[in-house]
Amino acid sequence: FRNWYYPAEILHYKGESTQKSSFRYV
């Protein structure tokens, strides 16, 4: 199969659901 990018827009807060400053994240 082929994977595609399509130029429609969404907002992604990028990591609000994760704690990227934690040792567990690393």
PDB file of all heavy atoms in Angstrom:
ATOM      1  N   PHE A   1       0.834  -1.202   0.000  1.00  0.00           N
ATOM      2  CA  PHE A   1       0.000   0.000   0.000  1.00  0.00           C
ATOM      3  C   PHE A   1       0.870   1.253   0.000  1.00  0.00           C
ATOM      4  O   PHE A   1       2.081   1.195   0.239  1.00  0.00           O
ATOM      5  CB  PHE A   1      -0.927  -0.003   1.219  1.00  0.00           C
ATOM      6  CG  PHE A   1      -1.954  -1.091   1.182  1.00  0.00           C
ATOM      7  CD1 PHE A   1      -1.704  -2.315   1.794  1.00  0.00           C
ATOM      8  CD2 PHE A   1      -3.162  -0.903   0.528  1.00  0.00           C
ATOM      9  CE1 PHE A   1      -2.638  -3.338   1.749  1.00  0.00           C
ATOM     10  CE2 PHE A   1      -4.111  -1.919   0.480  1.00  0.00           C
ATOM     11  CZ  PHE A   1      -3.840  -3.135   1.090  1.00  0.00           C
ATOM     12  N   ARG A   2       0.238   2.388  -0.273  1.00  0.00           N
ATOM     13  CA  ARG A   2       0.937   3.670  -0.278  1.00  0.00           C
ATOM     14  C   ARG A   2       0.398   4.548   0.845  1.00  0.00           C
ATOM     15  O   ARG A   2      -0.798   4.517   1.152  1.00  0.00           O
ATOM     16  CB  ARG A   2       0.742   4.369  -1.630  1.00  0.00           C
ATOM     17  CG  ARG A   2       1.262   3.563  -2.803  1.00  0.00           C
ATOM     18  CD  ARG A   2       0.633   3.993  -4.116  1.00  0.00           C
ATOM     19  NE  ARG A   2       1.144   5.269  -4.584  1.00  0.00           N
ATOM     20  CZ  ARG A   2       0.658   5.921  -5.642  1.00  0.00           C
ATOM     21  NH1 ARG A   2      -0.357   5.415  -6.321  1.00  0.00           N
ATOM     22  NH2 ARG A   2       1.185   7.077  -6.025  1.00  0.00           N
ATOM     23  N   ASN A   3       1.293   5.319   1.467  1.00  0.00           N
ATOM     24  CA  ASN A   3       0.911   6.241   2.527  1.00  0.00           C
ATOM     25  C   ASN A   3       0.964   7.669   1.995  1.00  0.00           C
ATOM     26  O   ASN A   3       1.895   8.030   1.266  1.00  0.00           O
ATOM     27  CB  ASN A   3       1.836   6.085   3.737  1.00  0.00           C
ATOM     28  CG  ASN A   3       1.737   4.714   4.367  1.00  0.00           C
ATOM     29  OD1 ASN A   3       0.694   4.052   4.278  1.00  0.00           O
ATOM     30  ND2 ASN A   3       2.809   4.257   4.998  1.00  0.00           N
ATOM     31  N   TRP A   4      -0.016   8.472   2.402  1.00  0.00           N
ATOM     32  CA  TRP A   4      -0.180   9.793   1.819  1.00  0.00           C
ATOM     33  C   TRP A   4      -0.269  10.894   2.877  1.00  0.00           C
ATOM     34  O   TRP A   4      -0.724  10.659   3.995  1.00  0.00           O
ATOM     35  CB  TRP A   4      -1.458   9.847   0.963  1.00  0.00           C
ATOM     36  CG  TRP A   4      -1.366   9.129  -0.344  1.00  0.00           C
ATOM     37  CD1 TRP A   4      -1.599   7.806  -0.572  1.00  0.00           C
ATOM     38  CD2 TRP A   4      -1.022   9.699  -1.613  1.00  0.00           C
ATOM     39  NE1 TRP A   4      -1.428   7.504  -1.908  1.00  0.00           N
ATOM     40  CE2 TRP A   4      -1.079   8.662  -2.565  1.00  0.00           C
ATOM     41  CE3 TRP A   4      -0.686  10.984  -2.029  1.00  0.00           C
ATOM     42  CZ2 TRP A   4      -0.807   8.858  -3.914  1.00  0.00           C
ATOM     43  CZ3 TRP A   4      -0.421  11.194  -3.380  1.00  0.00           C
ATOM     44  CH2 TRP A   4      -0.472  10.152  -4.303  1.00  0.00           C
ATOM     45  N   TYR A   5       0.149  12.075   2.465  1.00  0.00           N
ATOM     46  CA  TYR A   5      -0.114  13.312   3.198  1.00  0.00           C
ATOM     47  C   TYR A   5      -1.148  14.098   2.406  1.00  0.00           C
ATOM     48  O   TYR A   5      -1.062  14.218   1.184  1.00  0.00           O
ATOM     49  CB  TYR A   5       1.165  14.145   3.331  1.00  0.00           C
ATOM     50  CG  TYR A   5       0.916  15.624   3.553  1.00  0.00           C
ATOM     51  CD1 TYR A   5       0.633  16.126   4.818  1.00  0.00           C
ATOM     52  CD2 TYR A   5       0.960  16.521   2.480  1.00  0.00           C
ATOM     53  CE1 TYR A   5       0.396  17.484   5.007  1.00  0.00           C
ATOM     54  CE2 TYR A   5       0.728  17.875   2.664  1.00  0.00           C
ATOM     55  CZ  TYR A   5       0.439  18.347   3.926  1.00  0.00           C
ATOM     56  OH  TYR A   5       0.216  19.695   4.105  1.00  0.00           O
ATOM     57  N   TYR A   6      -2.166  14.641   3.133  1.00  0.00           N
ATOM     58  CA  TYR A   6      -3.204  15.444   2.489  1.00  0.00           C
ATOM     59  C   TYR A   6      -3.280  16.804   3.186  1.00  0.00           C
ATOM     60  O   TYR A   6      -3.298  16.867   4.419  1.00  0.00           O
ATOM     61  CB  TYR A   6      -4.561  14.722   2.590  1.00  0.00           C
ATOM     62  CG  TYR A   6      -5.661  15.402   1.807  1.00  0.00           C
ATOM     63  CD1 TYR A   6      -5.778  15.219   0.440  1.00  0.00           C
ATOM     64  CD2 TYR A   6      -6.575  16.249   2.443  1.00  0.00           C
ATOM     65  CE1 TYR A   6      -6.794  15.839  -0.285  1.00  0.00           C
ATOM     66  CE2 TYR A   6      -7.584  16.878   1.734  1.00  0.00           C
ATOM     67  CZ  TYR A   6      -7.687  16.676   0.364  1.00  0.00           C
ATOM     68  OH  TYR A   6      -8.670  17.301  -0.347  1.00  0.00           O
ATOM     69  N   PRO A   7      -3.305  17.915   2.430  1.00  0.00           N
ATOM     70  CA  PRO A   7      -3.189  19.251   3.027  1.00  0.00           C
ATOM     71  C   PRO A   7      -4.482  19.786   3.641  1.00  0.00           C
ATOM     72  O   PRO A   7      -4.945  20.874   3.304  1.00  0.00           O
ATOM     73  CB  PRO A   7      -2.738  20.109   1.845  1.00  0.00           C
ATOM     74  CG  PRO A   7      -3.346  19.451   0.652  1.00  0.00           C
ATOM     75  CD  PRO A   7      -3.301  17.970   0.949  1.00  0.00           C
ATOM     76  N   ALA A   8      -5.075  19.014   4.541  1.00  0.00           N
ATOM     77  CA  ALA A   8      -6.207  19.490   5.344  1.00  0.00           C
ATOM     78  C   ALA A   8      -5.684  19.727   6.755  1.00  0.00           C
ATOM     79  O   ALA A   8      -4.789  19.011   7.219  1.00  0.00           O
ATOM     80  CB  ALA A   8      -7.330  18.465   5.347  1.00  0.00           C
ATOM     81  N   GLU A   9      -6.240  20.706   7.456  1.00  0.00           N
ATOM     82  CA  GLU A   9      -5.627  21.156   8.706  1.00  0.00           C
ATOM     83  C   GLU A   9      -6.402  20.701   9.948  1.00  0.00           C
ATOM     84  O   GLU A   9      -7.627  20.724   9.982  1.00  0.00           O
ATOM     85  CB  GLU A   9      -5.519  22.686   8.724  1.00  0.00           C
ATOM     86  CG  GLU A   9      -4.539  23.227   7.701  1.00  0.00           C
ATOM     87  CD  GLU A   9      -4.437  24.738   7.719  1.00  0.00           C
ATOM     88  OE1 GLU A   9      -5.404  25.394   8.179  1.00  0.00           O
ATOM     89  OE2 GLU A   9      -3.413  25.269   7.271  1.00  0.00           O
ATOM     90  N   ILE A  10      -5.610  20.312  10.955  1.00  0.00           N
ATOM     91  CA  ILE A  10      -6.145  20.077  12.292  1.00  0.00           C
ATOM     92  C   ILE A  10      -5.205  20.769  13.283  1.00  0.00           C
ATOM     93  O   ILE A  10      -4.071  21.121  12.938  1.00  0.00           O
ATOM     94  CB  ILE A  10      -6.246  18.577  12.632  1.00  0.00           C
ATOM     95  CG1 ILE A  10      -4.851  17.978  12.864  1.00  0.00           C
ATOM     96  CG2 ILE A  10      -6.985  17.812  11.554  1.00  0.00           C
ATOM     97  CD1 ILE A  10      -4.879  16.605  13.511  1.00  0.00           C
ATOM     98  N   LEU A  11      -5.674  20.962  14.487  1.00  0.00           N
ATOM     99  CA  LEU A  11      -4.811  21.438  15.569  1.00  0.00           C
ATOM    100  C   LEU A  11      -4.377  20.244  16.400  1.00  0.00           C
ATOM    101  O   LEU A  11      -5.206  19.413  16.781  1.00  0.00           O
ATOM    102  CB  LEU A  11      -5.543  22.439  16.464  1.00  0.00           C
ATOM    103  CG  LEU A  11      -4.759  22.877  17.711  1.00  0.00           C
ATOM    104  CD1 LEU A  11      -3.590  23.765  17.314  1.00  0.00           C
ATOM    105  CD2 LEU A  11      -5.649  23.590  18.713  1.00  0.00           C
ATOM    106  N   HIS A  12      -3.100  20.160  16.686  1.00  0.00           N
ATOM    107  CA  HIS A  12      -2.584  19.130  17.589  1.00  0.00           C
ATOM    108  C   HIS A  12      -1.768  19.836  18.662  1.00  0.00           C
ATOM    109  O   HIS A  12      -0.726  20.411  18.376  1.00  0.00           O
ATOM    110  CB  HIS A  12      -1.704  18.128  16.834  1.00  0.00           C
ATOM    111  CG  HIS A  12      -1.196  17.018  17.704  1.00  0.00           C
ATOM    112  ND1 HIS A  12      -0.021  16.361  17.462  1.00  0.00           N
ATOM    113  CD2 HIS A  12      -1.708  16.458  18.837  1.00  0.00           C
ATOM    114  CE1 HIS A  12       0.170  15.448  18.388  1.00  0.00           C
ATOM    115  NE2 HIS A  12      -0.839  15.491  19.239  1.00  0.00           N
ATOM    116  N   TYR A  13      -2.277  19.775  19.884  1.00  0.00           N
ATOM    117  CA  TYR A  13      -1.555  20.425  20.974  1.00  0.00           C
ATOM    118  C   TYR A  13      -0.218  19.764  21.233  1.00  0.00           C
ATOM    119  O   TYR A  13       0.611  20.288  21.949  1.00  0.00           O
ATOM    120  CB  TYR A  13      -2.399  20.390  22.259  1.00  0.00           C
ATOM    121  CG  TYR A  13      -3.580  21.326  22.233  1.00  0.00           C
ATOM    122  CD1 TYR A  13      -4.882  20.830  22.126  1.00  0.00           C
ATOM    123  CD2 TYR A  13      -3.411  22.696  22.313  1.00  0.00           C
ATOM    124  CE1 TYR A  13      -5.974  21.681  22.106  1.00  0.00           C
ATOM    125  CE2 TYR A  13      -4.494  23.550  22.295  1.00  0.00           C
ATOM    126  CZ  TYR A  13      -5.778  23.043  22.196  1.00  0.00           C
ATOM    127  OH  TYR A  13      -6.850  23.887  22.171  1.00  0.00           O
ATOM    128  N   LYS A  14      -0.020  18.590  20.654  1.00  0.00           N
ATOM    129  CA  LYS A  14       1.267  17.897  20.659  1.00  0.00           C
ATOM    130  C   LYS A  14       1.748  17.565  22.059  1.00  0.00           C
ATOM    131  O   LYS A  14       2.680  18.169  22.583  1.00  0.00           O
ATOM    132  CB  LYS A  14       2.334  18.730  19.941  1.00  0.00           C
ATOM    133  CG  LYS A  14       3.600  17.938  19.601  1.00  0.00           C
ATOM    134  CD  LYS A  14       4.612  18.822  18.906  1.00  0.00           C
ATOM    135  CE  LYS A  14       5.901  18.090  18.675  1.00  0.00           C
ATOM    136  NZ  LYS A  14       6.933  18.929  18.052  1.00  0.00           N
ATOM    137  N   GLY A  15       1.073  16.600  22.647  1.00  0.00           N
ATOM    138  CA  GLY A  15       1.588  16.084  23.904  1.00  0.00           C
ATOM    139  C   GLY A  15       0.841  16.519  25.126  1.00  0.00           C
ATOM    140  O   GLY A  15       1.310  16.285  26.240  1.00  0.00           O
ATOM    141  N   GLU A  16      -0.320  17.169  24.967  1.00  0.00           N
ATOM    142  CA  GLU A  16      -1.086  17.524  26.160  1.00  0.00           C
ATOM    143  C   GLU A  16      -1.480  16.266  26.932  1.00  0.00           C
ATOM    144  O   GLU A  16      -1.622  16.298  28.141  1.00  0.00           O
ATOM    145  CB  GLU A  16      -2.351  18.300  25.774  1.00  0.00           C
ATOM    146  CG  GLU A  16      -3.133  18.811  26.964  1.00  0.00           C
ATOM    147  CD  GLU A  16      -2.309  19.664  27.903  1.00  0.00           C
ATOM    148  OE1 GLU A  16      -1.499  20.477  27.430  1.00  0.00           O
ATOM    149  OE2 GLU A  16      -2.491  19.505  29.130  1.00  0.00           O
ATOM    150  N   SER A  17      -1.597  15.137  26.228  1.00  0.00           N
ATOM    151  CA  SER A  17      -1.996  13.904  26.895  1.00  0.00           C
ATOM    152  C   SER A  17      -0.810  13.125  27.452  1.00  0.00           C
ATOM    153  O   SER A  17      -0.967  12.040  27.980  1.00  0.00           O
ATOM    154  CB  SER A  17      -2.776  13.014  25.920  1.00  0.00           C
ATOM    155  OG  SER A  17      -2.036  12.796  24.747  1.00  0.00           O
ATOM    156  N   THR A  18       0.399  13.670  27.348  1.00  0.00           N
ATOM    157  CA  THR A  18       1.570  12.992  27.900  1.00  0.00           C
ATOM    158  C   THR A  18       2.384  13.963  28.734  1.00  0.00           C
ATOM    159  O   THR A  18       2.321  15.183  28.555  1.00  0.00           O
ATOM    160  CB  THR A  18       2.479  12.431  26.785  1.00  0.00           C
ATOM    161  OG1 THR A  18       2.946  13.504  25.969  1.00  0.00           O
ATOM    162  CG2 THR A  18       1.729  11.437  25.926  1.00  0.00           C
ATOM    163  N   GLN A  19       3.178  13.417  29.643  1.00  0.00           N
ATOM    164  CA  GLN A  19       4.024  14.234  30.496  1.00  0.00           C
ATOM    165  C   GLN A  19       5.456  14.085  30.007  1.00  0.00           C
ATOM    166  O   GLN A  19       6.204  13.229  30.446  1.00  0.00           O
ATOM    167  CB  GLN A  19       3.904  13.790  31.967  1.00  0.00           C
ATOM    168  CG  GLN A  19       4.565  14.716  32.962  1.00  0.00           C
ATOM    169  CD  GLN A  19       3.917  16.082  33.012  1.00  0.00           C
ATOM    170  OE1 GLN A  19       2.717  16.197  32.873  1.00  0.00           O
ATOM    171  NE2 GLN A  19       4.709  17.107  33.207  1.00  0.00           N
ATOM    172  N   LYS A  20       5.878  14.967  29.103  1.00  0.00           N
ATOM    173  CA  LYS A  20       7.160  14.792  28.432  1.00  0.00           C
ATOM    174  C   LYS A  20       8.349  15.212  29.298  1.00  0.00           C
ATOM    175  O   LYS A  20       9.490  15.047  28.893  1.00  0.00           O
ATOM    176  CB  LYS A  20       7.166  15.570  27.117  1.00  0.00           C
ATOM    177  CG  LYS A  20       6.174  15.003  26.108  1.00  0.00           C
ATOM    178  CD  LYS A  20       6.432  15.510  24.718  1.00  0.00           C
ATOM    179  CE  LYS A  20       5.546  14.796  23.705  1.00  0.00           C
ATOM    180  NZ  LYS A  20       5.827  15.187  22.322  1.00  0.00           N
ATOM    181  N   SER A  21       8.094  15.782  30.474  1.00  0.00           N
ATOM    182  CA  SER A  21       9.183  16.168  31.358  1.00  0.00           C
ATOM    183  C   SER A  21       9.423  15.109  32.427  1.00  0.00           C
ATOM    184  O   SER A  21      10.083  15.368  33.424  1.00  0.00           O
ATOM    185  CB  SER A  21       8.872  17.511  32.026  1.00  0.00           C
ATOM    186  OG  SER A  21       7.671  17.427  32.773  1.00  0.00           O
ATOM    187  N   SER A  22       8.887  13.912  32.235  1.00  0.00           N
ATOM    188  CA  SER A  22       9.007  12.869  33.248  1.00  0.00           C
ATOM    189  C   SER A  22      10.024  11.819  32.823  1.00  0.00           C
ATOM    190  O   SER A  22      10.305  11.620  31.646  1.00  0.00           O
ATOM    191  CB  SER A  22       7.647  12.206  33.480  1.00  0.00           C
ATOM    192  OG  SER A  22       7.261  11.455  32.349  1.00  0.00           O
ATOM    193  N   PHE A  23      10.572  11.112  33.818  1.00  0.00           N
ATOM    194  CA  PHE A  23      11.502  10.033  33.533  1.00  0.00           C
ATOM    195  C   PHE A  23      10.786   8.888  32.807  1.00  0.00           C
ATOM    196  O   PHE A  23      11.383   8.202  31.995  1.00  0.00           O
ATOM    197  CB  PHE A  23      12.125   9.519  34.836  1.00  0.00           C
ATOM    198  CG  PHE A  23      13.123  10.465  35.443  1.00  0.00           C
ATOM    199  CD1 PHE A  23      12.755  11.316  36.466  1.00  0.00           C
ATOM    200  CD2 PHE A  23      14.425  10.520  34.971  1.00  0.00           C
ATOM    201  CE1 PHE A  23      13.666  12.192  37.021  1.00  0.00           C
ATOM    202  CE2 PHE A  23      15.351  11.394  35.513  1.00  0.00           C
ATOM    203  CZ  PHE A  23      14.972  12.233  36.549  1.00  0.00           C
ATOM    204  N   ARG A  24       9.497   8.702  33.118  1.00  0.00           N
ATOM    205  CA  ARG A  24       8.745   7.642  32.450  1.00  0.00           C
ATOM    206  C   ARG A  24       8.646   7.909  30.955  1.00  0.00           C
ATOM    207  O   ARG A  24       8.753   6.986  30.141  1.00  0.00           O
ATOM    208  CB  ARG A  24       7.347   7.525  33.060  1.00  0.00           C
ATOM    209  CG  ARG A  24       6.479   6.510  32.328  1.00  0.00           C
ATOM    210  CD  ARG A  24       5.236   6.161  33.115  1.00  0.00           C
ATOM    211  NE  ARG A  24       4.339   5.331  32.347  1.00  0.00           N
ATOM    212  CZ  ARG A  24       4.522   4.036  32.070  1.00  0.00           C
ATOM    213  NH1 ARG A  24       5.619   3.441  32.504  1.00  0.00           N
ATOM    214  NH2 ARG A  24       3.651   3.348  31.371  1.00  0.00           N
ATOM    215  N   TYR A  25       8.457   9.179  30.571  1.00  0.00           N
ATOM    216  CA  TYR A  25       8.389   9.513  29.149  1.00  0.00           C
ATOM    217  C   TYR A  25       9.689   9.137  28.450  1.00  0.00           C
ATOM    218  O   TYR A  25       9.679   8.528  27.375  1.00  0.00           O
ATOM    219  CB  TYR A  25       8.115  11.005  28.968  1.00  0.00           C
ATOM    220  CG  TYR A  25       8.447  11.493  27.573  1.00  0.00           C
ATOM    221  CD1 TYR A  25       7.622  11.203  26.497  1.00  0.00           C
ATOM    222  CD2 TYR A  25       9.616  12.215  27.336  1.00  0.00           C
ATOM    223  CE1 TYR A  25       7.935  11.622  25.220  1.00  0.00           C
ATOM    224  CE2 TYR A  25       9.933  12.640  26.052  1.00  0.00           C
ATOM    225  CZ  TYR A  25       9.098  12.344  25.006  1.00  0.00           C
ATOM    226  OH  TYR A  25       9.421  12.748  23.744  1.00  0.00           O
ATOM    227  N   VAL A  26      10.816   9.494  29.056  1.00  0.00           N
ATOM    228  CA  VAL A  26      12.112   9.172  28.454  1.00  0.00           C
ATOM    229  C   VAL A  26      12.249   7.662  28.280  1.00  0.00           C
ATOM    230  O   VAL A  26      12.669   7.174  27.228  1.00  0.00           O
ATOM    231  CB  VAL A  26      13.266   9.729  29.312  1.00  0.00           C
ATOM    232  CG1 VAL A  26      14.614   9.225  28.800  1.00  0.00           C
ATOM    233  CG2 VAL A  26      13.245  11.250  29.312  1.00  0.00           C
TER     234      VAL A  26
END
